[in-house]
Amino acid sequence: MERKVGLWIDYRKAVIVSIANKKVYIREIISNIKKKSIRITSDTVDLPDEKPEFLQNPQSKILLDKYYNLIISLISDAESIWIFGPNEEKVELEDRLRNAGFGARVVGIETMAEMTKRQFALKVQQRFLRKPVLNSNSTYSLNNH
């Protein structure tokens, strides 16, 4: 069975769209990484490579590591992986996939703002299948694993 995956990721959640046997499966993984502080913005612009302050504390780093490991475990059997996201998490996940020996399976990485699960599933299908969404949804949380 050939499995293709589209993945949208940021530090809060990931949406995995899997295509196998001409069916589409949508999973959502919630990181449970909460903001521990309030960021106050002004007229200055944040540098895009800077992580939010709350991601720099040790507990958040541990949760982020678990989050990436869970995602990798859910997509490691895919033959093709297409990664999307608005921030650096997509690049960090790609690096982790490469370090785990799955780098050759990454067929692309793109910057993309969040969209609905259905919109994202349709985008992935346009790349891999060009057919309508046919199947199920499920949500995962790190608290459950």
Protein backbone atom coordinates (compact mmCIF):
# COMPACT_ATOMS: atom_id res chain seq x y z
CA MET A 1 0.00 0.00 0.00
CA GLU A 2 1.39 3.37 -1.05
CA ARG A 3 0.72 6.10 1.50
CA LYS A 4 1.15 9.79 0.80
CA VAL A 5 0.98 12.45 3.48
CA GLY A 6 0.40 16.17 3.57
CA LEU A 7 1.23 17.75 6.92
CA TRP A 8 0.44 21.25 8.20
CA ILE A 9 2.28 22.10 11.42
CA ASP A 10 2.84 24.85 13.94
CA TYR A 11 3.67 24.64 17.66
CA ARG A 12 -0.02 24.37 18.66
CA LYS A 13 -1.24 21.63 16.36
CA ALA A 14 -0.59 19.55 13.29
CA VAL A 15 -3.02 18.32 10.66
CA ILE A 16 -2.05 15.13 8.86
CA VAL A 17 -3.83 14.24 5.64
CA SER A 18 -3.02 10.66 4.63
CA ILE A 19 -3.93 9.16 1.29
CA ALA A 20 -3.89 5.37 0.99
CA ASN A 21 -5.95 2.96 -1.10
CA LYS A 22 -7.69 5.93 -2.75
CA LYS A 23 -9.09 7.05 0.61
CA VAL A 24 -8.27 10.19 2.55
CA TYR A 25 -7.80 10.24 6.31
CA ILE A 26 -7.49 13.42 8.35
CA ARG A 27 -5.86 13.50 11.80
CA GLU A 28 -5.32 16.45 14.07
CA ILE A 29 -2.63 16.40 16.75
CA ILE A 30 -2.84 18.97 19.55
CA SER A 31 0.51 19.81 21.14
CA ASN A 32 -0.85 21.10 24.48
CA ILE A 33 2.00 23.61 24.55
CA LYS A 34 0.40 26.66 26.12
CA LYS A 35 1.65 30.18 26.20
CA LYS A 36 3.19 30.73 29.60
CA SER A 37 3.54 34.47 29.12
CA ILE A 38 1.80 37.25 27.31
CA ARG A 39 3.68 38.81 24.42
CA ILE A 40 3.22 42.51 24.01
CA THR A 41 3.81 43.78 20.51
CA SER A 42 4.56 47.30 19.44
CA ASP A 43 5.38 48.97 16.17
CA THR A 44 8.56 46.94 15.88
CA VAL A 45 8.60 43.78 13.78
CA ASP A 46 9.62 40.42 15.26
CA LEU A 47 12.33 38.60 13.37
CA PRO A 48 10.83 35.54 11.67
CA ASP A 49 13.50 33.16 13.00
CA GLU A 50 12.83 34.00 16.65
CA LYS A 51 10.80 31.49 18.63
CA PRO A 52 8.05 32.82 20.85
CA GLU A 53 9.35 33.37 24.38
CA PHE A 54 7.24 30.58 25.89
CA LEU A 55 8.84 27.98 23.56
CA GLN A 56 12.25 28.73 25.02
CA ASN A 57 11.49 27.39 28.51
CA PRO A 58 12.68 23.82 29.28
CA GLN A 59 9.20 22.34 29.85
CA SER A 60 7.95 23.62 26.50
CA LYS A 61 11.04 22.20 24.77
CA ILE A 62 10.27 18.76 26.26
CA LEU A 63 6.65 18.96 25.09
CA LEU A 64 7.75 20.14 21.63
CA ASP A 65 10.14 17.18 21.38
CA LYS A 66 7.33 14.75 22.29
CA TYR A 67 5.07 16.50 19.78
CA TYR A 68 7.58 16.07 16.94
CA ASN A 69 8.21 12.43 17.90
CA LEU A 70 4.49 11.64 17.85
CA ILE A 71 4.08 13.25 14.44
CA ILE A 72 7.06 11.35 13.04
CA SER A 73 5.67 8.07 14.40
CA LEU A 74 2.37 8.75 12.63
CA ILE A 75 3.91 9.58 9.24
CA SER A 76 7.09 7.46 9.13
CA ASP A 77 5.48 4.78 6.92
CA ALA A 78 4.54 7.30 4.21
CA GLU A 79 6.30 7.09 0.87
CA SER A 80 5.80 10.81 0.19
CA ILE A 81 5.58 13.61 2.75
CA TRP A 82 4.65 17.19 1.85
CA ILE A 83 5.12 19.65 4.76
CA PHE A 84 3.34 22.99 5.25
CA GLY A 85 3.20 25.59 7.99
CA PRO A 86 3.52 29.27 8.78
CA ASN A 87 6.67 29.19 10.93
CA GLU A 88 9.93 27.37 11.64
CA GLU A 89 8.23 24.22 12.98
CA LYS A 90 7.93 22.88 9.42
CA VAL A 91 11.70 23.24 8.93
CA GLU A 92 12.46 21.70 12.33
CA LEU A 93 10.24 18.72 11.51
CA GLU A 94 11.93 18.29 8.14
CA ASP A 95 15.34 18.29 9.90
CA ARG A 96 14.13 15.66 12.36
CA LEU A 97 12.78 13.51 9.52
CA ARG A 98 16.16 13.74 7.77
CA ASN A 99 17.99 12.82 10.98
CA ALA A 100 15.65 9.82 11.42
CA GLY A 101 16.42 8.58 7.90
CA PHE A 102 13.15 9.70 6.28
CA GLY A 103 14.47 12.81 4.51
CA ALA A 104 14.25 11.32 1.02
CA ARG A 105 10.50 10.94 1.51
CA VAL A 106 9.98 14.70 1.91
CA VAL A 107 8.71 15.87 -1.50
CA GLY A 108 8.25 19.51 -0.58
CA ILE A 109 8.06 22.10 2.15
CA GLU A 110 5.95 25.25 1.83
CA THR A 111 4.97 28.26 3.90
CA MET A 112 1.22 28.37 4.31
CA ALA A 113 -1.14 30.02 6.79
CA GLU A 114 -3.65 27.86 8.63
CA MET A 115 -6.72 26.68 6.74
CA THR A 116 -9.59 24.35 7.62
CA LYS A 117 -8.90 20.61 7.69
CA ARG A 118 -11.14 20.11 4.68
CA GLN A 119 -9.42 22.88 2.69
CA PHE A 120 -6.04 21.40 3.52
CA ALA A 121 -7.21 17.88 2.57
CA LEU A 122 -8.36 19.21 -0.79
CA LYS A 123 -4.99 20.88 -1.37
CA VAL A 124 -3.15 17.63 -0.60
CA GLN A 125 -5.49 15.69 -2.89
CA GLN A 126 -4.85 18.11 -5.72
CA ARG A 127 -1.17 17.26 -5.39
CA PHE A 128 -1.44 13.50 -4.89
CA LEU A 129 -4.86 12.30 -6.18
CA ARG A 130 -7.00 14.98 -7.75
CA LYS A 131 -10.12 13.39 -6.21
CA PRO A 132 -12.66 14.52 -3.54
CA VAL A 133 -12.39 13.86 0.20
CA LEU A 134 -13.91 10.45 0.95
CA ASN A 135 -13.23 9.45 4.53
CA SER A 136 -12.73 9.99 8.24
CA ASN A 137 -11.46 12.47 10.80
CA SER A 138 -9.76 11.93 14.14
CA THR A 139 -8.11 14.12 16.76
CA TYR A 140 -5.11 13.20 18.91
CA SER A 141 -3.73 14.97 21.93
CA LEU A 142 -0.35 14.50 23.57
CA ASN A 143 -2.18 14.01 26.88
CA ASN A 144 -3.58 10.75 25.45
CA HIS A 145 -0.21 9.32 24.39
